Structures are given as C-alpha cells and as structure tokens.
Amino acid sequence: MLGGCNTIPNQGKIIEEAIQVGQNYFIDEYSTEVEFTDHKFMPKDLSHNISLSGHVKENKDTEITILINYDTFKVQNAIVPKELLNKKKN
C-alpha cells in the first residue's frame, strides 16, 4: 500500500541529466569518456542519490561507478580503477 510513496517523479529526466553530469565529470576530472550501462536510485528515505555504473568507452573491462545527488546534480562520489587515478587532474 505504501509502495507509491517511495516513487521518484520524472525518473527518466533525472537519469538523462545524471548521465550527462557523470560523463562530463569523467571528461573534466580524468580526460576519459565513459558509457553508463546501468542505474539505481537509492532509497528515497535514505538519500536523494542515483548510482550510475558502466565502463570506459575504449575499454569495457574498465568499470566505473558514480553517485550523483539528483536534487542538485552534484557528484557525491566516484569509484574509479587505479589506471584512471593516474589521469586525475589536480
């Protein structure tokens, strides 16, 4: 009965904008293009974050994950492999 209370309106639009923010983040911070293949909304009562996971465009074995607040579209955290850490801009 309460399941409808936890739904997030405009999910499609949120996903689109979060993907753009995530792609720009990896370009700006690591000079790397990424492709997101999956998303997950965190429980709304815990946080207003969406998790995007995927891989580096030129290497599907190099997995990445990013957590974005969907109210502000600010990056909360990014999980990147060691080879990308070496590319991080200061």
N, C-alpha and C. Protein backbone atom coordinates (compact mmCIF):
# COMPACT_ATOMS: atom_id res chain seq x y z
N MET A 1 0.81 -1.21 0.00
CA MET A 1 0.00 0.00 0.00
C MET A 1 0.85 1.28 0.00
N LEU A 2 1.96 1.27 0.69
CA LEU A 2 2.80 2.45 0.78
C LEU A 2 3.86 2.52 -0.32
N GLY A 3 3.91 1.53 -1.20
CA GLY A 3 4.92 1.49 -2.24
C GLY A 3 4.94 2.74 -3.10
N GLY A 4 3.80 3.34 -3.38
CA GLY A 4 3.73 4.53 -4.21
C GLY A 4 4.37 5.75 -3.56
N CYS A 5 4.50 5.75 -2.27
CA CYS A 5 5.08 6.89 -1.56
C CYS A 5 6.58 7.02 -1.81
N ASN A 6 7.21 5.92 -2.23
CA ASN A 6 8.65 5.93 -2.39
C ASN A 6 9.07 6.11 -3.85
N THR A 7 8.12 6.36 -4.74
CA THR A 7 8.48 6.54 -6.14
C THR A 7 9.05 7.94 -6.36
N ILE A 8 9.89 8.04 -7.35
CA ILE A 8 10.57 9.29 -7.65
C ILE A 8 9.99 9.83 -8.95
N PRO A 9 9.39 11.03 -8.90
CA PRO A 9 8.82 11.58 -10.14
C PRO A 9 9.91 11.97 -11.14
N ASN A 10 9.57 11.93 -12.41
CA ASN A 10 10.47 12.34 -13.50
C ASN A 10 11.76 11.52 -13.55
N GLN A 11 11.67 10.22 -13.29
CA GLN A 11 12.87 9.39 -13.26
C GLN A 11 13.64 9.44 -14.59
N GLY A 12 12.94 9.41 -15.70
CA GLY A 12 13.60 9.44 -17.00
C GLY A 12 14.44 10.70 -17.18
N LYS A 13 13.89 11.83 -16.79
CA LYS A 13 14.60 13.10 -16.91
C LYS A 13 15.80 13.14 -15.96
N ILE A 14 15.62 12.61 -14.76
CA ILE A 14 16.72 12.56 -13.78
C ILE A 14 17.85 11.70 -14.31
N ILE A 15 17.53 10.54 -14.87
CA ILE A 15 18.54 9.64 -15.40
C ILE A 15 19.32 10.32 -16.52
N GLU A 16 18.60 10.96 -17.44
CA GLU A 16 19.26 11.67 -18.55
C GLU A 16 20.24 12.72 -18.05
N GLU A 17 19.78 13.56 -17.11
CA GLU A 17 20.64 14.63 -16.61
C GLU A 17 21.82 14.07 -15.81
N ALA A 18 21.57 13.03 -15.01
CA ALA A 18 22.64 12.42 -14.23
C ALA A 18 23.70 11.82 -15.16
N ILE A 19 23.28 11.18 -16.23
CA ILE A 19 24.23 10.62 -17.20
C ILE A 19 25.11 11.72 -17.78
N GLN A 20 24.50 12.84 -18.14
CA GLN A 20 25.27 13.96 -18.70
C GLN A 20 26.27 14.49 -17.68
N VAL A 21 25.83 14.66 -16.44
CA VAL A 21 26.71 15.13 -15.38
C VAL A 21 27.86 14.14 -15.17
N GLY A 22 27.55 12.86 -15.14
CA GLY A 22 28.56 11.84 -14.94
C GLY A 22 29.58 11.79 -16.06
N GLN A 23 29.10 11.86 -17.30
CA GLN A 23 30.02 11.87 -18.44
C GLN A 23 30.93 13.09 -18.41
N ASN A 24 30.35 14.25 -18.11
CA ASN A 24 31.15 15.48 -18.02
C ASN A 24 32.18 15.39 -16.89
N TYR A 25 31.79 14.79 -15.78
CA TYR A 25 32.70 14.64 -14.65
C TYR A 25 33.94 13.84 -15.06
N PHE A 26 33.74 12.72 -15.72
CA PHE A 26 34.88 11.88 -16.10
C PHE A 26 35.73 12.55 -17.17
N ILE A 27 35.13 13.32 -18.05
CA ILE A 27 35.91 14.07 -19.04
C ILE A 27 36.72 15.16 -18.35
N ASP A 28 36.06 15.92 -17.46
CA ASP A 28 36.71 17.03 -16.77
C ASP A 28 37.80 16.57 -15.80
N GLU A 29 37.53 15.51 -15.04
CA GLU A 29 38.44 15.08 -13.98
C GLU A 29 39.50 14.09 -14.44
N TYR A 30 39.18 13.27 -15.46
CA TYR A 30 40.08 12.19 -15.85
C TYR A 30 40.40 12.18 -17.35
N SER A 31 39.89 13.15 -18.10
CA SER A 31 40.07 13.19 -19.56
C SER A 31 39.69 11.85 -20.19
N THR A 32 38.58 11.29 -19.72
CA THR A 32 38.16 9.96 -20.14
C THR A 32 36.67 9.96 -20.47
N GLU A 33 36.33 9.37 -21.62
CA GLU A 33 34.92 9.21 -21.98
C GLU A 33 34.42 7.89 -21.42
N VAL A 34 33.22 7.94 -20.85
CA VAL A 34 32.62 6.75 -20.25
C VAL A 34 31.25 6.50 -20.85
N GLU A 35 30.80 5.28 -20.66
CA GLU A 35 29.46 4.89 -21.10
C GLU A 35 28.77 4.24 -19.90
N PHE A 36 27.61 4.76 -19.54
CA PHE A 36 26.86 4.19 -18.42
C PHE A 36 25.88 3.15 -18.95
N THR A 37 25.86 1.99 -18.29
CA THR A 37 25.03 0.89 -18.75
C THR A 37 23.95 0.51 -17.74
N ASP A 38 24.02 1.07 -16.53
CA ASP A 38 23.04 0.72 -15.51
C ASP A 38 22.88 1.88 -14.54
N HIS A 39 21.73 1.95 -13.93
CA HIS A 39 21.47 2.98 -12.91
C HIS A 39 20.65 2.37 -11.78
N LYS A 40 20.74 3.01 -10.63
CA LYS A 40 19.95 2.58 -9.48
C LYS A 40 19.67 3.78 -8.60
N PHE A 41 18.42 3.99 -8.28
CA PHE A 41 18.05 5.04 -7.34
C PHE A 41 18.20 4.50 -5.93
N MET A 42 18.89 5.24 -5.08
CA MET A 42 19.00 4.87 -3.68
C MET A 42 17.63 5.06 -3.02
N PRO A 43 17.34 4.33 -1.95
CA PRO A 43 16.05 4.52 -1.28
C PRO A 43 15.85 5.99 -0.90
N LYS A 44 14.70 6.53 -1.30
CA LYS A 44 14.42 7.95 -1.13
C LYS A 44 14.46 8.41 0.33
N ASP A 45 14.12 7.51 1.25
CA ASP A 45 14.13 7.90 2.66
C ASP A 45 15.56 7.94 3.22
N LEU A 46 16.54 7.38 2.51
CA LEU A 46 17.93 7.41 2.96
C LEU A 46 18.73 8.54 2.31
N SER A 47 18.54 8.72 1.00
CA SER A 47 19.27 9.76 0.29
C SER A 47 18.57 10.05 -1.03
N HIS A 48 18.92 11.14 -1.64
CA HIS A 48 18.38 11.51 -2.95
C HIS A 48 19.48 11.34 -3.98
N ASN A 49 20.05 10.14 -4.04
CA ASN A 49 21.15 9.85 -4.94
C ASN A 49 20.77 8.80 -5.97
N ILE A 50 21.41 8.91 -7.12
CA ILE A 50 21.32 7.90 -8.15
C ILE A 50 22.74 7.40 -8.41
N SER A 51 22.86 6.09 -8.51
CA SER A 51 24.14 5.46 -8.81
C SER A 51 24.14 5.07 -10.28
N LEU A 52 25.19 5.47 -11.00
CA LEU A 52 25.35 5.10 -12.40
C LEU A 52 26.59 4.23 -12.50
N SER A 53 26.48 3.12 -13.21
CA SER A 53 27.65 2.27 -13.40
C SER A 53 27.82 1.99 -14.89
N GLY A 54 29.06 1.73 -15.25
CA GLY A 54 29.36 1.48 -16.64
C GLY A 54 30.83 1.20 -16.82
N HIS A 55 31.38 1.72 -17.93
CA HIS A 55 32.77 1.43 -18.24
C HIS A 55 33.36 2.56 -19.08
N VAL A 56 34.68 2.54 -19.17
CA VAL A 56 35.40 3.47 -20.04
C VAL A 56 35.05 3.09 -21.47
N LYS A 57 34.78 4.08 -22.32
CA LYS A 57 34.34 3.80 -23.69
C LYS A 57 35.30 2.91 -24.46
N GLU A 58 36.58 3.18 -24.38
CA GLU A 58 37.54 2.42 -25.18
C GLU A 58 37.96 1.11 -24.51
N ASN A 59 37.44 0.83 -23.31
CA ASN A 59 37.82 -0.40 -22.61
C ASN A 59 36.67 -0.86 -21.72
N LYS A 60 35.87 -1.79 -22.23
CA LYS A 60 34.69 -2.25 -21.50
C LYS A 60 35.05 -3.00 -20.21
N ASP A 61 36.30 -3.40 -20.07
CA ASP A 61 36.73 -4.09 -18.85
C ASP A 61 37.05 -3.12 -17.72
N THR A 62 37.18 -1.83 -18.03
CA THR A 62 37.49 -0.82 -17.02
C THR A 62 36.17 -0.24 -16.50
N GLU A 63 35.71 -0.79 -15.39
CA GLU A 63 34.41 -0.41 -14.83
C GLU A 63 34.52 0.83 -13.96
N ILE A 64 33.45 1.63 -14.01
CA ILE A 64 33.37 2.84 -13.18
C ILE A 64 31.97 2.94 -12.57
N THR A 65 31.88 3.66 -11.47
CA THR A 65 30.60 3.93 -10.81
C THR A 65 30.65 5.36 -10.28
N ILE A 66 29.50 6.02 -10.37
CA ILE A 66 29.43 7.39 -9.84
C ILE A 66 28.11 7.56 -9.10
N LEU A 67 28.14 8.32 -8.03
CA LEU A 67 26.97 8.61 -7.22
C LEU A 67 26.67 10.10 -7.34
N ILE A 68 25.44 10.41 -7.76
CA ILE A 68 25.05 11.80 -8.01
C ILE A 68 23.77 12.12 -7.24
N ASN A 69 23.77 13.26 -6.57
CA ASN A 69 22.56 13.74 -5.90
C ASN A 69 21.61 14.26 -6.97
N TYR A 70 20.42 13.70 -7.04
CA TYR A 70 19.50 14.10 -8.11
C TYR A 70 18.68 15.34 -7.78
N ASP A 71 18.87 15.93 -6.62
CA ASP A 71 18.25 17.23 -6.33
C ASP A 71 19.15 18.36 -6.83
N THR A 72 20.46 18.18 -6.65
CA THR A 72 21.43 19.23 -7.00
C THR A 72 22.27 18.88 -8.24
N PHE A 73 22.26 17.59 -8.60
CA PHE A 73 23.10 17.06 -9.69
C PHE A 73 24.58 17.33 -9.44
N LYS A 74 24.96 17.21 -8.17
CA LYS A 74 26.37 17.29 -7.79
C LYS A 74 26.88 15.87 -7.55
N VAL A 75 28.11 15.63 -7.97
CA VAL A 75 28.74 14.33 -7.78
C VAL A 75 29.06 14.14 -6.29
N GLN A 76 28.60 13.03 -5.73
CA GLN A 76 28.86 12.73 -4.33
C GLN A 76 30.11 11.88 -4.17
N ASN A 77 30.31 10.96 -5.13
CA ASN A 77 31.42 10.03 -5.03
C ASN A 77 31.61 9.35 -6.39
N ALA A 78 32.83 8.94 -6.66
CA ALA A 78 33.11 8.19 -7.88
C ALA A 78 34.08 7.07 -7.54
N ILE A 79 33.79 5.90 -8.08
CA ILE A 79 34.66 4.75 -7.89
C ILE A 79 35.35 4.50 -9.23
N VAL A 80 36.66 4.64 -9.22
CA VAL A 80 37.42 4.51 -10.47
C VAL A 80 38.59 3.55 -10.25
N PRO A 81 38.99 2.83 -11.30
CA PRO A 81 40.13 1.94 -11.18
C PRO A 81 41.45 2.70 -11.11
N LYS A 82 42.49 2.02 -10.68
CA LYS A 82 43.80 2.65 -10.49
C LYS A 82 44.31 3.34 -11.76
N GLU A 83 44.09 2.72 -12.92
CA GLU A 83 44.62 3.31 -14.15
C GLU A 83 44.01 4.69 -14.43
N LEU A 84 42.79 4.93 -13.96
CA LEU A 84 42.20 6.26 -14.13
C LEU A 84 42.70 7.24 -13.07
N LEU A 85 43.01 6.75 -11.89
CA LEU A 85 43.51 7.64 -10.83
C LEU A 85 44.77 8.36 -11.28
N ASN A 86 45.58 7.70 -12.08
CA ASN A 86 46.80 8.32 -12.59
C ASN A 86 46.51 9.49 -13.53
N LYS A 87 45.30 9.51 -14.11
CA LYS A 87 44.94 10.57 -15.05
C LYS A 87 44.25 11.75 -14.36
N LYS A 88 43.94 11.61 -13.07
CA LYS A 88 43.16 12.65 -12.37
C LYS A 88 43.87 13.99 -12.43
N LYS A 89 43.10 14.99 -12.80
CA LYS A 89 43.62 16.37 -12.82
C LYS A 89 43.58 16.91 -11.41
N ASN A 90 44.48 17.78 -11.09
CA ASN A 90 44.52 18.36 -9.74
C ASN A 90 43.61 19.53 -9.60
